[in-house]
Amino acid sequence: MSQERATDQSYLELSTEDGDTLRVLKKPHPRSRRMRLTVTPKGARVSYPQGTHPAQLTAFVRQHVDWLARKLEELRLDARVLPALKVGTSTQMPLRGEWVDLVWAEGPYPRIELRGGQLQLTVPRPHTRALPVARGLIASFLEAQIRRDVGRWMPAYIPALGAAPTSVRIRPLKSLWGSLDTRDRVNLDLALALAPPAALRYVLVHELCHLKVRNHSAKFWKQVAALMDDYQAQRDWLRLNGGALKAEVDRLIADVAD
């Protein structure tokens, strides 16, 4: 059984059966109605309603310790520290499953263009606002990549399912790759633009299938397999590489991410 101790007022530490120590940030939320555990490339966090007894919080986190350890492992939080995005300094980034060079140029107006293996950011002088402008350009470019693919695939899936989402929203998600909300809106993680298109397609298929089956029962996975027979390979790829992709998005568009 795991053991836990409060390291200070902000963190909870849990010792697992394997001898690892998991550190969880505690965040009370005035509008929260329930306890919620999330994992991102920045670490683990538990949010909870004001007034929650410490023993209840500890018991809740302990109950999910196996899930927590698995998610932290998937996100590879011990991976190398990524270099910060800096104006004028070229770097590399993944895009659609391939590495591209991100380079800078000067011009009369901001723009972003993919030329061969280079993604060129053009920003005007003075450079006082160049970094937030560049981050916004990257975010818009990544969203456009996803929307192009989704627009190409959706016409085939909607007739097969006999159902359609009300809209598709693309934004940075903290821990999920996608979701389907109660209004039948599909939400997709912006980091999927960095993954191979097949991985993005799997997440889209996954969320579209929730239009028919709202849980993850055998019936649901049968529906997913009917639309994408190699879905398991893409699911495994995201589990192995997903943490690095989310960390890349955080590095590239940190100040425009939700």
C-alpha atoms as a PDB file:
ATOM      1  CA  MET A   1       0.000   0.000   0.000  1.00  0.00           C
ATOM      2  CA  SER A   2       1.224   3.511  -0.738  1.00  0.00           C
ATOM      3  CA  GLN A   3       2.118   5.855   2.085  1.00  0.00           C
ATOM      4  CA  GLU A   4       1.763   9.608   2.012  1.00  0.00           C
ATOM      5  CA  ARG A   5       2.932  12.668   3.863  1.00  0.00           C
ATOM      6  CA  ALA A   6       2.350  16.393   3.442  1.00  0.00           C
ATOM      7  CA  THR A   7       5.597  18.055   2.371  1.00  0.00           C
ATOM      8  CA  ASP A   8       4.132  21.547   2.855  1.00  0.00           C
ATOM      9  CA  GLN A   9       0.776  23.230   2.411  1.00  0.00           C
ATOM     10  CA  SER A  10       0.963  22.994  -1.380  1.00  0.00           C
ATOM     11  CA  TYR A  11       2.120  19.435  -2.087  1.00  0.00           C
ATOM     12  CA  LEU A  12       1.324  15.872  -1.158  1.00  0.00           C
ATOM     13  CA  GLU A  13       3.932  13.118  -1.532  1.00  0.00           C
ATOM     14  CA  LEU A  14       3.046   9.465  -2.038  1.00  0.00           C
ATOM     15  CA  SER A  15       5.437   6.541  -1.789  1.00  0.00           C
ATOM     16  CA  THR A  16       4.482   3.707  -4.144  1.00  0.00           C
ATOM     17  CA  GLU A  17       5.005  -0.031  -3.727  1.00  0.00           C
ATOM     18  CA  ASP A  18       7.924   0.198  -6.171  1.00  0.00           C
ATOM     19  CA  GLY A  19       9.688   2.713  -3.947  1.00  0.00           C
ATOM     20  CA  ASP A  20       9.005   5.718  -6.162  1.00  0.00           C
ATOM     21  CA  THR A  21       7.866   9.032  -4.728  1.00  0.00           C
ATOM     22  CA  LEU A  22       5.049  10.872  -6.482  1.00  0.00           C
ATOM     23  CA  ARG A  23       4.588  14.577  -5.754  1.00  0.00           C
ATOM     24  CA  VAL A  24       1.120  16.057  -6.274  1.00  0.00           C
ATOM     25  CA  LEU A  25       0.312  19.772  -6.229  1.00  0.00           C
ATOM     26  CA  LYS A  26      -2.770  20.610  -4.134  1.00  0.00           C
ATOM     27  CA  LYS A  27      -5.025  23.340  -5.570  1.00  0.00           C
ATOM     28  CA  PRO A  28      -8.262  24.319  -3.804  1.00  0.00           C
ATOM     29  CA  HIS A  29     -10.807  25.778  -6.199  1.00  0.00           C
ATOM     30  CA  PRO A  30     -13.676  28.017  -5.037  1.00  0.00           C
ATOM     31  CA  ARG A  31     -16.073  26.810  -7.766  1.00  0.00           C
ATOM     32  CA  SER A  32     -15.083  23.148  -7.750  1.00  0.00           C
ATOM     33  CA  ARG A  33     -17.768  20.647  -6.773  1.00  0.00           C
ATOM     34  CA  ARG A  34     -15.601  17.531  -6.707  1.00  0.00           C
ATOM     35  CA  MET A  35     -12.010  16.409  -6.408  1.00  0.00           C
ATOM     36  CA  ARG A  36     -10.119  16.038  -9.681  1.00  0.00           C
ATOM     37  CA  LEU A  37      -6.670  14.613 -10.417  1.00  0.00           C
ATOM     38  CA  THR A  38      -4.816  15.738 -13.562  1.00  0.00           C
ATOM     39  CA  VAL A  39      -1.375  15.066 -15.021  1.00  0.00           C
ATOM     40  CA  THR A  40       0.430  17.343 -17.480  1.00  0.00           C
ATOM     41  CA  PRO A  41       4.055  17.682 -18.607  1.00  0.00           C
ATOM     42  CA  LYS A  42       4.426  20.099 -15.670  1.00  0.00           C
ATOM     43  CA  GLY A  43       3.465  17.438 -13.113  1.00  0.00           C
ATOM     44  CA  ALA A  44       0.477  16.082 -11.181  1.00  0.00           C
ATOM     45  CA  ARG A  45      -2.210  18.240  -9.573  1.00  0.00           C
ATOM     46  CA  VAL A  46      -5.277  17.563  -7.479  1.00  0.00           C
ATOM     47  CA  SER A  47      -7.978  20.240  -7.381  1.00  0.00           C
ATOM     48  CA  TYR A  48     -10.736  20.142  -4.788  1.00  0.00           C
ATOM     49  CA  PRO A  49     -13.579  22.189  -3.257  1.00  0.00           C
ATOM     50  CA  GLN A  50     -12.749  24.645  -0.513  1.00  0.00           C
ATOM     51  CA  GLY A  51     -13.200  23.022   2.885  1.00  0.00           C
ATOM     52  CA  THR A  52     -12.320  19.477   1.820  1.00  0.00           C
ATOM     53  CA  HIS A  53     -10.891  17.581   4.786  1.00  0.00           C
ATOM     54  CA  PRO A  54      -7.190  16.663   4.342  1.00  0.00           C
ATOM     55  CA  ALA A  55      -7.974  13.011   5.057  1.00  0.00           C
ATOM     56  CA  GLN A  56     -10.528  12.954   2.221  1.00  0.00           C
ATOM     57  CA  LEU A  57      -7.997  14.507  -0.152  1.00  0.00           C
ATOM     58  CA  THR A  58      -5.295  12.023   0.829  1.00  0.00           C
ATOM     59  CA  ALA A  59      -7.649   9.067   0.429  1.00  0.00           C
ATOM     60  CA  PHE A  60      -8.749  10.276  -3.005  1.00  0.00           C
ATOM     61  CA  VAL A  61      -5.193  10.635  -4.308  1.00  0.00           C
ATOM     62  CA  ARG A  62      -4.144   7.311  -2.799  1.00  0.00           C
ATOM     63  CA  GLN A  63      -7.096   5.611  -4.508  1.00  0.00           C
ATOM     64  CA  HIS A  64      -5.743   6.735  -7.889  1.00  0.00           C
ATOM     65  CA  VAL A  65      -2.031   6.189  -7.236  1.00  0.00           C
ATOM     66  CA  ASP A  66      -1.650   3.439  -9.872  1.00  0.00           C
ATOM     67  CA  TRP A  67      -3.268   5.629 -12.532  1.00  0.00           C
ATOM     68  CA  LEU A  68      -1.130   8.548 -11.423  1.00  0.00           C
ATOM     69  CA  ALA A  69       2.121   6.578 -11.668  1.00  0.00           C
ATOM     70  CA  ARG A  70       1.187   5.270 -15.099  1.00  0.00           C
ATOM     71  CA  LYS A  71       0.333   8.723 -16.466  1.00  0.00           C
ATOM     72  CA  LEU A  72       3.527  10.248 -15.126  1.00  0.00           C
ATOM     73  CA  GLU A  73       5.505   7.464 -16.785  1.00  0.00           C
ATOM     74  CA  GLU A  74       3.688   7.985 -20.075  1.00  0.00           C
ATOM     75  CA  LEU A  75       4.486  11.689 -20.030  1.00  0.00           C
ATOM     76  CA  ARG A  76       8.196  10.991 -19.413  1.00  0.00           C
ATOM     77  CA  LEU A  77       8.592  13.886 -17.025  1.00  0.00           C
ATOM     78  CA  ASP A  78      12.284  13.061 -16.694  1.00  0.00           C
ATOM     79  CA  ALA A  79      12.908  13.879 -20.353  1.00  0.00           C
ATOM     80  CA  ARG A  80      15.438  16.487 -21.389  1.00  0.00           C
ATOM     81  CA  VAL A  81      14.671  20.148 -20.755  1.00  0.00           C
ATOM     82  CA  LEU A  82      13.576  21.773 -23.995  1.00  0.00           C
ATOM     83  CA  PRO A  83      15.274  25.000 -25.062  1.00  0.00           C
ATOM     84  CA  ALA A  84      13.072  28.058 -24.682  1.00  0.00           C
ATOM     85  CA  LEU A  85      11.727  29.642 -27.846  1.00  0.00           C
ATOM     86  CA  LYS A  86      13.888  32.689 -28.555  1.00  0.00           C
ATOM     87  CA  VAL A  87      13.491  35.338 -31.245  1.00  0.00           C
ATOM     88  CA  GLY A  88      16.101  34.920 -33.969  1.00  0.00           C
ATOM     89  CA  THR A  89      17.331  31.539 -32.714  1.00  0.00           C
ATOM     90  CA  SER A  90      16.516  28.578 -34.957  1.00  0.00           C
ATOM     91  CA  THR A  91      15.305  25.384 -33.360  1.00  0.00           C
ATOM     92  CA  GLN A  92      13.700  22.097 -34.320  1.00  0.00           C
ATOM     93  CA  MET A  93      10.167  20.932 -33.677  1.00  0.00           C
ATOM     94  CA  PRO A  94       8.020  17.942 -34.632  1.00  0.00           C
ATOM     95  CA  LEU A  95       5.289  18.517 -37.213  1.00  0.00           C
ATOM     96  CA  ARG A  96       2.980  15.780 -38.507  1.00  0.00           C
ATOM     97  CA  GLY A  97       5.404  13.152 -37.233  1.00  0.00           C
ATOM     98  CA  GLU A  98       8.500  14.660 -38.877  1.00  0.00           C
ATOM     99  CA  TRP A  99      11.190  16.999 -37.574  1.00  0.00           C
ATOM    100  CA  VAL A 100      11.306  20.441 -39.186  1.00  0.00           C
ATOM    101  CA  ASP A 101      13.557  23.458 -38.657  1.00  0.00           C
ATOM    102  CA  LEU A 102      11.867  26.509 -37.163  1.00  0.00           C
ATOM    103  CA  VAL A 103      13.682  29.552 -38.553  1.00  0.00           C
ATOM    104  CA  TRP A 104      13.246  33.299 -38.239  1.00  0.00           C
ATOM    105  CA  ALA A 105      13.148  36.115 -40.783  1.00  0.00           C
ATOM    106  CA  GLU A 106      12.318  39.819 -40.851  1.00  0.00           C
ATOM    107  CA  GLY A 107       9.583  41.329 -42.968  1.00  0.00           C
ATOM    108  CA  PRO A 108       6.962  44.070 -43.121  1.00  0.00           C
ATOM    109  CA  TYR A 109       4.225  41.957 -41.490  1.00  0.00           C
ATOM    110  CA  PRO A 110       4.025  38.774 -39.393  1.00  0.00           C
ATOM    111  CA  ARG A 111       3.510  35.489 -41.204  1.00  0.00           C
ATOM    112  CA  ILE A 112       4.385  31.800 -41.016  1.00  0.00           C
ATOM    113  CA  GLU A 113       5.179  29.534 -43.967  1.00  0.00           C
ATOM    114  CA  LEU A 114       6.192  25.907 -44.396  1.00  0.00           C
ATOM    115  CA  ARG A 115       8.827  25.547 -47.092  1.00  0.00           C
ATOM    116  CA  GLY A 116      10.204  22.074 -47.540  1.00  0.00           C
ATOM    117  CA  GLY A 117      11.642  21.055 -44.204  1.00  0.00           C
ATOM    118  CA  GLN A 118      11.571  24.573 -42.766  1.00  0.00           C
ATOM    119  CA  LEU A 119       8.853  26.426 -40.929  1.00  0.00           C
ATOM    120  CA  GLN A 120       9.688  30.121 -41.341  1.00  0.00           C
ATOM    121  CA  LEU A 121       8.488  32.774 -38.898  1.00  0.00           C
ATOM    122  CA  THR A 122       8.576  36.287 -40.287  1.00  0.00           C
ATOM    123  CA  VAL A 123       8.305  39.104 -37.743  1.00  0.00           C
ATOM    124  CA  PRO A 124       8.722  42.875 -38.281  1.00  0.00           C
ATOM    125  CA  ARG A 125      10.990  45.163 -36.282  1.00  0.00           C
ATOM    126  CA  PRO A 126      11.031  46.290 -33.556  1.00  0.00           C
ATOM    127  CA  HIS A 127      11.107  42.933 -31.795  1.00  0.00           C
ATOM    128  CA  THR A 128       9.508  44.069 -28.541  1.00  0.00           C
ATOM    129  CA  ARG A 129       6.362  42.014 -29.242  1.00  0.00           C
ATOM    130  CA  ALA A 130       7.924  39.456 -31.554  1.00  0.00           C
ATOM    131  CA  LEU A 131       7.780  36.476 -29.207  1.00  0.00           C
ATOM    132  CA  PRO A 132       4.042  36.578 -28.368  1.00  0.00           C
ATOM    133  CA  VAL A 133       3.289  37.302 -32.039  1.00  0.00           C
ATOM    134  CA  ALA A 134       5.381  34.306 -33.075  1.00  0.00           C
ATOM    135  CA  ARG A 135       3.640  32.060 -30.554  1.00  0.00           C
ATOM    136  CA  GLY A 136       0.265  33.137 -31.901  1.00  0.00           C
ATOM    137  CA  LEU A 137       1.378  32.414 -35.461  1.00  0.00           C
ATOM    138  CA  ILE A 138       2.549  28.933 -34.480  1.00  0.00           C
ATOM    139  CA  ALA A 139      -0.718  28.183 -32.677  1.00  0.00           C
ATOM    140  CA  SER A 140      -2.775  29.287 -35.687  1.00  0.00           C
ATOM    141  CA  PHE A 141      -0.593  27.270 -38.045  1.00  0.00           C
ATOM    142  CA  LEU A 142      -0.925  24.096 -35.963  1.00  0.00           C
ATOM    143  CA  GLU A 143      -4.696  24.509 -35.734  1.00  0.00           C
ATOM    144  CA  ALA A 144      -4.893  24.914 -39.511  1.00  0.00           C
ATOM    145  CA  GLN A 145      -2.978  21.657 -39.988  1.00  0.00           C
ATOM    146  CA  ILE A 146      -5.486  19.778 -37.851  1.00  0.00           C
ATOM    147  CA  ARG A 147      -8.537  21.403 -39.451  1.00  0.00           C
ATOM    148  CA  ARG A 148      -7.266  20.518 -42.911  1.00  0.00           C
ATOM    149  CA  ASP A 149      -7.020  16.830 -41.992  1.00  0.00           C
ATOM    150  CA  VAL A 150     -10.298  16.759 -40.079  1.00  0.00           C
ATOM    151  CA  GLY A 151     -12.085  18.415 -42.991  1.00  0.00           C
ATOM    152  CA  ARG A 152     -10.737  15.752 -45.317  1.00  0.00           C
ATOM    153  CA  TRP A 153     -11.663  12.778 -43.109  1.00  0.00           C
ATOM    154  CA  MET A 154     -15.002  13.841 -41.658  1.00  0.00           C
ATOM    155  CA  PRO A 155     -17.125  13.325 -44.814  1.00  0.00           C
ATOM    156  CA  ALA A 156     -16.281   9.622 -44.768  1.00  0.00           C
ATOM    157  CA  TYR A 157     -16.947   9.062 -41.064  1.00  0.00           C
ATOM    158  CA  ILE A 158     -20.229  10.901 -40.625  1.00  0.00           C
ATOM    159  CA  PRO A 159     -22.240   8.692 -43.051  1.00  0.00           C
ATOM    160  CA  ALA A 160     -20.645   5.559 -41.581  1.00  0.00           C
ATOM    161  CA  LEU A 161     -21.685   6.583 -38.060  1.00  0.00           C
ATOM    162  CA  GLY A 162     -24.998   8.151 -38.914  1.00  0.00           C
ATOM    163  CA  ALA A 163     -24.140  10.995 -36.549  1.00  0.00           C
ATOM    164  CA  ALA A 164     -22.187  14.236 -36.641  1.00  0.00           C
ATOM    165  CA  PRO A 165     -20.657  16.578 -34.063  1.00  0.00           C
ATOM    166  CA  THR A 166     -22.063  20.064 -33.705  1.00  0.00           C
ATOM    167  CA  SER A 167     -18.562  21.541 -34.044  1.00  0.00           C
ATOM    168  CA  VAL A 168     -14.867  20.778 -33.727  1.00  0.00           C
ATOM    169  CA  ARG A 169     -12.764  22.839 -31.332  1.00  0.00           C
ATOM    170  CA  ILE A 170      -8.965  22.713 -31.306  1.00  0.00           C
ATOM    171  CA  ARG A 171      -6.939  24.014 -28.389  1.00  0.00           C
ATOM    172  CA  PRO A 172      -4.196  22.927 -25.996  1.00  0.00           C
ATOM    173  CA  LEU A 173      -5.539  20.339 -23.560  1.00  0.00           C
ATOM    174  CA  LYS A 174      -3.781  19.664 -20.273  1.00  0.00           C
ATOM    175  CA  SER A 175      -3.960  15.876 -20.152  1.00  0.00           C
ATOM    176  CA  LEU A 176      -6.493  14.638 -22.697  1.00  0.00           C
ATOM    177  CA  TRP A 177      -6.057  14.162 -26.437  1.00  0.00           C
ATOM    178  CA  GLY A 178      -9.693  14.786 -27.135  1.00  0.00           C
ATOM    179  CA  SER A 179     -13.195  14.802 -25.702  1.00  0.00           C
ATOM    180  CA  LEU A 180     -16.845  14.953 -26.681  1.00  0.00           C
ATOM    181  CA  ASP A 181     -18.901  17.302 -24.551  1.00  0.00           C
ATOM    182  CA  THR A 182     -22.585  17.208 -23.699  1.00  0.00           C
ATOM    183  CA  ARG A 183     -23.371  19.462 -26.665  1.00  0.00           C
ATOM    184  CA  ASP A 184     -21.751  16.951 -29.047  1.00  0.00           C
ATOM    185  CA  ARG A 185     -18.779  19.207 -29.673  1.00  0.00           C
ATOM    186  CA  VAL A 186     -15.515  17.410 -30.431  1.00  0.00           C
ATOM    187  CA  ASN A 187     -12.466  18.882 -28.689  1.00  0.00           C
ATOM    188  CA  LEU A 188      -9.000  18.022 -30.021  1.00  0.00           C
ATOM    189  CA  ASP A 189      -5.616  18.752 -28.495  1.00  0.00           C
ATOM    190  CA  LEU A 190      -3.463  21.178 -30.488  1.00  0.00           C
ATOM    191  CA  ALA A 191      -0.443  18.928 -29.852  1.00  0.00           C
ATOM    192  CA  LEU A 192      -1.915  16.409 -32.293  1.00  0.00           C
ATOM    193  CA  ALA A 193      -0.604  18.607 -35.116  1.00  0.00           C
ATOM    194  CA  LEU A 194       2.872  17.473 -34.089  1.00  0.00           C
ATOM    195  CA  ALA A 195       1.980  13.774 -34.246  1.00  0.00           C
ATOM    196  CA  PRO A 196       1.779  11.564 -37.343  1.00  0.00           C
ATOM    197  CA  PRO A 197      -1.571  12.115 -39.099  1.00  0.00           C
ATOM    198  CA  ALA A 198      -2.652   8.564 -38.252  1.00  0.00           C
ATOM    199  CA  ALA A 199      -2.481   9.398 -34.528  1.00  0.00           C
ATOM    200  CA  LEU A 200      -4.657  12.475 -35.055  1.00  0.00           C
ATOM    201  CA  ARG A 201      -7.082  10.365 -37.078  1.00  0.00           C
ATOM    202  CA  TYR A 202      -7.354   7.855 -34.244  1.00  0.00           C
ATOM    203  CA  VAL A 203      -8.276  10.567 -31.724  1.00  0.00           C
ATOM    204  CA  LEU A 204     -10.857  12.000 -34.109  1.00  0.00           C
ATOM    205  CA  VAL A 205     -12.376   8.546 -34.690  1.00  0.00           C
ATOM    206  CA  HIS A 206     -12.359   7.899 -30.941  1.00  0.00           C
ATOM    207  CA  GLU A 207     -14.341  11.039 -30.164  1.00  0.00           C
ATOM    208  CA  LEU A 208     -16.726  10.605 -33.089  1.00  0.00           C
ATOM    209  CA  CYS A 209     -17.547   7.094 -31.898  1.00  0.00           C
ATOM    210  CA  HIS A 210     -18.623   8.590 -28.576  1.00  0.00           C
ATOM    211  CA  LEU A 211     -21.523  10.117 -30.508  1.00  0.00           C
ATOM    212  CA  LYS A 212     -22.903   6.565 -30.637  1.00  0.00           C
ATOM    213  CA  VAL A 213     -21.493   5.052 -27.429  1.00  0.00           C
ATOM    214  CA  ARG A 214     -20.704   7.394 -24.529  1.00  0.00           C
ATOM    215  CA  ASN A 215     -18.553   4.929 -22.593  1.00  0.00           C
ATOM    216  CA  HIS A 216     -15.505   2.752 -23.268  1.00  0.00           C
ATOM    217  CA  SER A 217     -17.318  -0.557 -23.376  1.00  0.00           C
ATOM    218  CA  ALA A 218     -16.566  -3.416 -25.775  1.00  0.00           C
ATOM    219  CA  LYS A 219     -19.300  -2.018 -28.024  1.00  0.00           C
ATOM    220  CA  PHE A 220     -17.443   1.299 -28.215  1.00  0.00           C
ATOM    221  CA  TRP A 221     -14.105  -0.254 -29.167  1.00  0.00           C
ATOM    222  CA  LYS A 222     -15.834  -2.403 -31.786  1.00  0.00           C
ATOM    223  CA  GLN A 223     -17.173   0.793 -33.323  1.00  0.00           C
ATOM    224  CA  VAL A 224     -13.694   2.359 -33.295  1.00  0.00           C
ATOM    225  CA  ALA A 225     -12.202  -0.742 -34.955  1.00  0.00           C
ATOM    226  CA  ALA A 226     -14.869  -0.626 -37.644  1.00  0.00           C
ATOM    227  CA  LEU A 227     -13.703   2.845 -38.666  1.00  0.00           C
ATOM    228  CA  MET A 228      -9.971   2.350 -38.053  1.00  0.00           C
ATOM    229  CA  ASP A 229      -8.643  -1.187 -37.824  1.00  0.00           C
ATOM    230  CA  ASP A 230      -5.124  -0.149 -36.708  1.00  0.00           C
ATOM    231  CA  TYR A 231      -6.331   2.136 -33.917  1.00  0.00           C
ATOM    232  CA  GLN A 232      -4.410   0.206 -31.234  1.00  0.00           C
ATOM    233  CA  ALA A 233      -1.061   1.022 -32.860  1.00  0.00           C
ATOM    234  CA  GLN A 234      -1.902   4.736 -32.847  1.00  0.00           C
ATOM    235  CA  ARG A 235      -3.136   4.559 -29.273  1.00  0.00           C
ATOM    236  CA  ASP A 236       0.131   2.925 -28.225  1.00  0.00           C
ATOM    237  CA  TRP A 237       2.152   5.551 -30.130  1.00  0.00           C
ATOM    238  CA  LEU A 238       0.448   8.372 -28.254  1.00  0.00           C
ATOM    239  CA  ARG A 239       1.025   6.659 -24.917  1.00  0.00           C
ATOM    240  CA  LEU A 240       4.727   6.369 -25.688  1.00  0.00           C
ATOM    241  CA  ASN A 241       5.315   9.788 -27.275  1.00  0.00           C
ATOM    242  CA  GLY A 242       2.462  11.955 -26.048  1.00  0.00           C
ATOM    243  CA  GLY A 243       4.274  13.574 -23.155  1.00  0.00           C
ATOM    244  CA  ALA A 244       7.004  14.895 -25.430  1.00  0.00           C
ATOM    245  CA  LEU A 245       4.422  16.382 -27.806  1.00  0.00           C
ATOM    246  CA  LYS A 246       2.548  18.172 -25.044  1.00  0.00           C
ATOM    247  CA  ALA A 247       5.835  19.525 -23.701  1.00  0.00           C
ATOM    248  CA  GLU A 248       6.698  20.823 -27.185  1.00  0.00           C
ATOM    249  CA  VAL A 249       3.404  22.680 -27.472  1.00  0.00           C
ATOM    250  CA  ASP A 250       3.956  24.185 -24.039  1.00  0.00           C
ATOM    251  CA  ARG A 251       7.388  25.364 -25.146  1.00  0.00           C
ATOM    252  CA  LEU A 252       6.191  26.809 -28.446  1.00  0.00           C
ATOM    253  CA  ILE A 253       2.947  28.531 -27.503  1.00  0.00           C
ATOM    254  CA  ALA A 254       3.044  28.721 -23.692  1.00  0.00           C
ATOM    255  CA  ASP A 255       1.565  32.196 -23.373  1.00  0.00           C
ATOM    256  CA  VAL A 256      -1.342  31.598 -25.739  1.00  0.00           C
ATOM    257  CA  ALA A 257      -2.302  28.164 -24.387  1.00  0.00           C
ATOM    258  CA  ASP A 258      -5.490  27.759 -22.372  1.00  0.00           C
END
